[in-house]
């Protein structure tokens, strides 16, 4: 199953992605900071914790030794962490961006789910999803220890990465400050029997294209509505004309909401 932003995997690798990959490669070879279109970022660095590889960099002119809010970005299936770098172009705040690499190999890139997921029964698929989310929660705890961090991380994920962002908020609510699932599923089996985190559940801010033919918006809309009835702070922003993607409008909305959350959390700290 190609669960990636665009109707085909080839469309996911747009010219903008290719340019971003080139800039990232140059950054990894350069001893000085690099700049994105709008935000000064530190040199992206490769690291590893609890067996999971990741990229890490800082925005807003912050440095590697600064104590910062953390934002974790989860890539789509068939991708590598560097495809997420561009999504933080407009995040004009000081923060640390952590981009883990999916544990499962695909013909192109990595995934949060094994290639045989599609032939599994639903219960087995759910078990794999819960296991992956649990390992990500462990990873984020380790990353917070490894890098000087203020507060809990905000998590944003695209497609299968969005599934993980949702599951982290639902099943590991103490691990995240907020979740931004983009073009993600919300399956019936993912709901817990009761809301055990209220009134301290992390906000869930889903973003979804109305023309998504890969993950139809209808079930996600119904799932978010169900979360609201269970007293979760959950909302869905829909985007006319957008397919299975994280387009520029969605990026801007994510950046604005993430800025507000990070700023509010910093004031509480």
Protein backbone atom coordinates (compact mmCIF):
# COMPACT_ATOMS: atom_id res chain seq x y z
CA UNK A 1 0.00 0.00 0.00
CA UNK A 2 1.43 3.39 -0.97
CA UNK A 3 0.47 5.54 2.01
CA UNK A 4 2.41 8.67 1.03
CA UNK A 5 1.50 12.28 0.18
CA UNK A 6 0.33 12.24 -3.44
CA UNK A 7 -1.58 9.82 -5.60
CA UNK A 8 1.65 7.99 -6.48
CA UNK A 9 5.00 7.70 -4.80
CA UNK A 10 6.68 9.55 -7.69
CA UNK A 11 4.45 12.57 -7.19
CA UNK A 12 5.53 12.72 -3.56
CA UNK A 13 9.05 13.62 -4.67
CA UNK A 14 8.29 17.08 -6.04
CA UNK A 15 10.91 19.50 -7.32
CA UNK A 16 10.67 21.30 -4.00
CA UNK A 17 11.58 18.09 -2.18
CA UNK A 18 14.52 17.50 -4.51
CA UNK A 19 15.80 21.03 -3.89
CA UNK A 20 15.40 20.56 -0.16
CA UNK A 21 17.29 17.27 -0.26
CA UNK A 22 20.14 19.00 -2.11
CA UNK A 23 20.29 21.78 0.47
CA UNK A 24 20.25 19.25 3.28
CA UNK A 25 23.08 17.26 1.74
CA UNK A 26 25.13 20.44 1.44
CA UNK A 27 24.28 21.31 5.04
CA UNK A 28 25.48 17.95 6.29
CA UNK A 29 28.84 18.59 4.59
CA UNK A 30 29.13 22.20 5.73
CA UNK A 31 30.53 23.36 9.08
CA UNK A 32 28.32 26.44 9.16
CA UNK A 33 24.62 27.06 9.58
CA UNK A 34 22.31 27.06 6.59
CA UNK A 35 19.13 29.01 5.89
CA UNK A 36 15.80 27.80 4.63
CA UNK A 37 13.44 30.02 2.66
CA UNK A 38 12.23 31.87 5.78
CA UNK A 39 13.87 30.52 8.93
CA UNK A 40 17.50 30.31 10.00
CA UNK A 41 18.28 26.73 10.99
CA UNK A 42 21.34 25.08 12.42
CA UNK A 43 23.22 22.43 10.49
CA UNK A 44 21.10 19.22 10.49
CA UNK A 45 22.96 16.51 12.36
CA UNK A 46 22.59 12.74 12.27
CA UNK A 47 22.22 10.93 15.60
CA UNK A 48 20.96 7.68 17.10
CA UNK A 49 19.21 6.76 20.33
CA UNK A 50 17.64 3.47 21.48
CA UNK A 51 18.48 2.05 18.05
CA UNK A 52 16.55 4.64 16.04
CA UNK A 53 18.41 6.99 13.69
CA UNK A 54 17.28 10.59 13.38
CA UNK A 55 18.11 14.06 12.14
CA UNK A 56 18.13 16.99 14.54
CA UNK A 57 18.46 20.74 13.98
CA UNK A 58 17.43 24.00 15.60
CA UNK A 59 15.30 26.85 14.25
CA UNK A 60 15.19 30.56 14.98
CA UNK A 61 18.96 30.88 15.28
CA UNK A 62 19.12 28.59 18.33
CA UNK A 63 22.10 26.36 19.01
CA UNK A 64 22.65 22.70 19.82
CA UNK A 65 23.36 23.38 23.50
CA UNK A 66 20.29 25.58 24.07
CA UNK A 67 17.39 24.32 26.17
CA UNK A 68 14.49 24.42 23.70
CA UNK A 69 10.97 23.20 22.99
CA UNK A 70 11.09 20.04 20.88
CA UNK A 71 9.03 19.27 17.77
CA UNK A 72 9.14 15.71 16.43
CA UNK A 73 8.36 15.20 12.73
CA UNK A 74 7.31 11.78 11.42
CA UNK A 75 7.76 11.15 7.70
CA UNK A 76 5.40 9.33 5.35
CA UNK A 77 5.95 5.80 4.06
CA UNK A 78 8.69 5.31 1.48
CA UNK A 79 10.58 8.41 2.63
CA UNK A 80 13.56 9.44 4.71
CA UNK A 81 13.63 12.00 7.56
CA UNK A 82 15.04 14.76 5.35
CA UNK A 83 11.76 15.11 3.45
CA UNK A 84 10.34 16.68 6.62
CA UNK A 85 12.89 19.51 6.79
CA UNK A 86 10.94 21.80 4.46
CA UNK A 87 7.82 21.60 6.63
CA UNK A 88 9.53 23.83 9.20
CA UNK A 89 10.41 26.62 6.74
CA UNK A 90 7.94 29.05 8.32
CA UNK A 91 8.39 28.03 11.96
CA UNK A 92 9.90 31.32 13.08
CA UNK A 93 10.55 30.41 16.72
CA UNK A 94 13.45 28.92 18.60
CA UNK A 95 12.86 25.17 18.73
CA UNK A 96 14.63 21.86 18.26
CA UNK A 97 13.36 19.69 15.40
CA UNK A 98 13.85 15.94 15.72
CA UNK A 99 13.13 13.76 12.67
CA UNK A 100 13.31 10.01 13.41
CA UNK A 101 13.74 7.41 10.68
CA UNK A 102 11.08 4.73 10.32
CA UNK A 103 12.30 1.28 11.45
CA UNK A 104 10.94 -0.68 8.48
CA UNK A 105 12.69 -0.73 5.09
CA UNK A 106 10.71 -0.14 1.91
CA UNK A 107 11.94 -0.28 -1.72
CA UNK A 108 12.17 3.50 -1.44
CA UNK A 109 12.89 4.89 2.00
CA UNK A 110 11.48 3.76 5.33
CA UNK A 111 8.12 3.28 7.03
CA UNK A 112 6.53 3.01 10.46
CA UNK A 113 4.79 -0.20 9.34
CA UNK A 114 6.12 -3.42 7.77
CA UNK A 115 5.61 -4.05 4.06
CA UNK A 116 3.29 -6.99 4.80
CA UNK A 117 0.83 -4.79 6.72
CA UNK A 118 -1.77 -4.99 3.95
CA UNK A 119 -2.10 -8.78 4.18
CA UNK A 120 -2.53 -8.79 7.97
CA UNK A 121 -5.89 -8.96 9.67
CA UNK A 122 -7.16 -5.79 11.32
CA UNK A 123 -6.32 -6.94 14.85
CA UNK A 124 -2.75 -7.72 13.79
CA UNK A 125 -2.47 -4.36 12.03
CA UNK A 126 -3.64 -2.58 15.17
CA UNK A 127 -1.11 -4.49 17.27
CA UNK A 128 1.71 -3.42 14.95
CA UNK A 129 0.50 0.19 15.07
CA UNK A 130 0.36 0.20 18.86
CA UNK A 131 3.84 -1.33 19.07
CA UNK A 132 5.28 1.29 16.71
CA UNK A 133 3.66 4.10 18.71
CA UNK A 134 5.04 2.67 21.94
CA UNK A 135 8.56 2.57 20.53
CA UNK A 136 8.20 6.16 19.35
CA UNK A 137 7.12 7.23 22.84
CA UNK A 138 10.28 5.59 24.19
CA UNK A 139 12.33 7.31 21.50
CA UNK A 140 10.94 10.74 22.37
CA UNK A 141 11.68 10.23 26.06
CA UNK A 142 15.26 9.28 25.16
CA UNK A 143 15.61 12.26 22.80
CA UNK A 144 14.46 14.61 25.57
CA UNK A 145 17.20 13.21 27.78
CA UNK A 146 19.80 13.44 25.03
CA UNK A 147 19.07 17.07 24.10
CA UNK A 148 18.32 19.94 26.51
CA UNK A 149 14.54 20.19 26.24
CA UNK A 150 11.82 22.40 27.72
CA UNK A 151 8.51 20.63 28.20
CA UNK A 152 6.96 17.78 26.27
CA UNK A 153 7.45 17.55 22.50
CA UNK A 154 4.90 18.57 19.90
CA UNK A 155 4.55 15.85 17.26
CA UNK A 156 3.56 16.27 13.61
CA UNK A 157 3.28 13.40 11.15
CA UNK A 158 2.27 12.92 7.54
CA UNK A 159 0.26 9.92 6.26
CA UNK A 160 1.54 6.86 8.16
CA UNK A 161 3.55 9.34 10.23
CA UNK A 162 0.25 11.07 10.97
CA UNK A 163 -1.19 7.76 12.15
CA UNK A 164 1.70 7.60 14.63
CA UNK A 165 1.08 11.17 15.79
CA UNK A 166 -2.55 10.31 16.52
CA UNK A 167 -1.68 7.11 18.35
CA UNK A 168 0.89 8.91 20.48
CA UNK A 169 -1.76 11.41 21.59
CA UNK A 170 -4.36 8.71 22.25
CA UNK A 171 -2.26 5.96 23.82
CA UNK A 172 0.72 7.86 25.20
CA UNK A 173 -0.83 11.22 26.14
CA UNK A 174 1.83 11.96 28.74
CA UNK A 175 4.52 11.75 26.04
CA UNK A 176 3.38 14.71 23.92
CA UNK A 177 2.28 18.32 24.33
CA UNK A 178 0.15 18.26 21.16
CA UNK A 179 -0.32 16.20 18.00
CA UNK A 180 -0.75 17.37 14.39
CA UNK A 181 -1.75 14.36 12.25
CA UNK A 182 -1.70 15.24 8.55
CA UNK A 183 -3.59 13.08 6.00
CA UNK A 184 -3.89 10.41 8.69
CA UNK A 185 -6.25 7.57 9.46
CA UNK A 186 -8.24 7.24 12.69
CA UNK A 187 -9.41 3.64 12.86
CA UNK A 188 -12.16 2.37 15.21
CA UNK A 189 -9.77 -0.07 16.92
CA UNK A 190 -7.47 2.77 17.93
CA UNK A 191 -9.89 4.26 20.42
CA UNK A 192 -9.42 3.40 24.07
CA UNK A 193 -12.46 2.27 26.06
CA UNK A 194 -12.49 5.54 27.99
CA UNK A 195 -10.70 8.85 28.07
CA UNK A 196 -8.21 8.40 30.90
CA UNK A 197 -6.17 11.57 30.33
CA UNK A 198 -8.83 14.29 30.72
CA UNK A 199 -8.60 17.11 31.58
CA UNK A 200 -4.93 16.98 30.59
CA UNK A 201 -5.13 15.31 27.17
CA UNK A 202 -2.83 16.79 24.53
CA UNK A 203 -4.62 18.83 21.84
CA UNK A 204 -5.13 16.97 18.55
CA UNK A 205 -5.15 19.22 15.48
CA UNK A 206 -5.77 17.12 12.37
CA UNK A 207 -5.19 18.54 8.88
CA UNK A 208 -6.63 16.76 5.84
CA UNK A 209 -7.20 17.42 2.14
CA UNK A 210 -10.82 17.18 1.03
CA UNK A 211 -9.75 15.52 -2.24
CA UNK A 212 -7.63 12.83 -0.58
CA UNK A 213 -8.26 9.61 -2.51
CA UNK A 214 -5.68 7.60 -0.54
CA UNK A 215 -7.06 8.28 2.94
CA UNK A 216 -10.59 9.62 2.53
CA UNK A 217 -11.41 12.49 4.84
CA UNK A 218 -14.83 11.10 5.86
CA UNK A 219 -13.71 8.45 8.38
CA UNK A 220 -11.13 10.83 9.84
CA UNK A 221 -13.79 13.52 10.25
CA UNK A 222 -16.06 11.00 12.00
CA UNK A 223 -13.19 9.87 14.23
CA UNK A 224 -12.33 13.41 15.29
CA UNK A 225 -16.00 14.06 16.07
CA UNK A 226 -16.03 10.93 18.22
CA UNK A 227 -12.94 12.14 20.06
CA UNK A 228 -14.73 15.38 20.85
CA UNK A 229 -17.64 13.47 22.39
CA UNK A 230 -15.08 11.70 24.60
CA UNK A 231 -13.85 15.10 25.84
CA UNK A 232 -10.64 15.18 23.84
CA UNK A 233 -9.51 18.60 22.61
CA UNK A 234 -9.67 17.49 18.98
CA UNK A 235 -10.33 19.38 15.74
CA UNK A 236 -10.03 18.80 12.00
CA UNK A 237 -9.06 21.44 9.45
CA UNK A 238 -10.05 20.48 5.89
CA UNK A 239 -8.50 21.83 2.70
CA UNK A 240 -10.50 22.02 -0.56
CA UNK A 241 -8.59 20.93 -3.65
CA UNK A 242 -5.87 19.16 -1.67
CA UNK A 243 -5.26 15.44 -2.19
CA UNK A 244 -3.03 13.17 -0.04
CA UNK A 245 -0.49 15.86 0.76
CA UNK A 246 0.90 18.37 3.24
CA UNK A 247 0.70 21.44 1.05
CA UNK A 248 1.83 25.03 1.64
CA UNK A 249 -1.47 26.13 3.21
CA UNK A 250 -1.37 23.25 5.66
CA UNK A 251 2.29 23.97 6.46
CA UNK A 252 1.46 27.60 7.27
CA UNK A 253 -1.47 26.63 9.48
CA UNK A 254 0.64 24.04 11.29
CA UNK A 255 3.45 26.55 11.84
CA UNK A 256 1.07 29.17 13.24
CA UNK A 257 -0.63 26.76 15.64
CA UNK A 258 2.68 25.21 16.70
CA UNK A 259 4.09 28.68 17.42
CA UNK A 260 1.11 29.49 19.64
CA UNK A 261 1.37 26.20 21.53
CA UNK A 262 5.12 26.45 22.04
CA UNK A 263 4.86 30.09 23.14
CA UNK A 264 2.05 29.31 25.59
CA UNK A 265 3.92 26.34 27.03
CA UNK A 266 7.08 28.43 27.42
CA UNK A 267 5.15 31.04 29.43
CA UNK A 268 3.82 28.31 31.76
CA UNK A 269 7.34 26.94 32.24
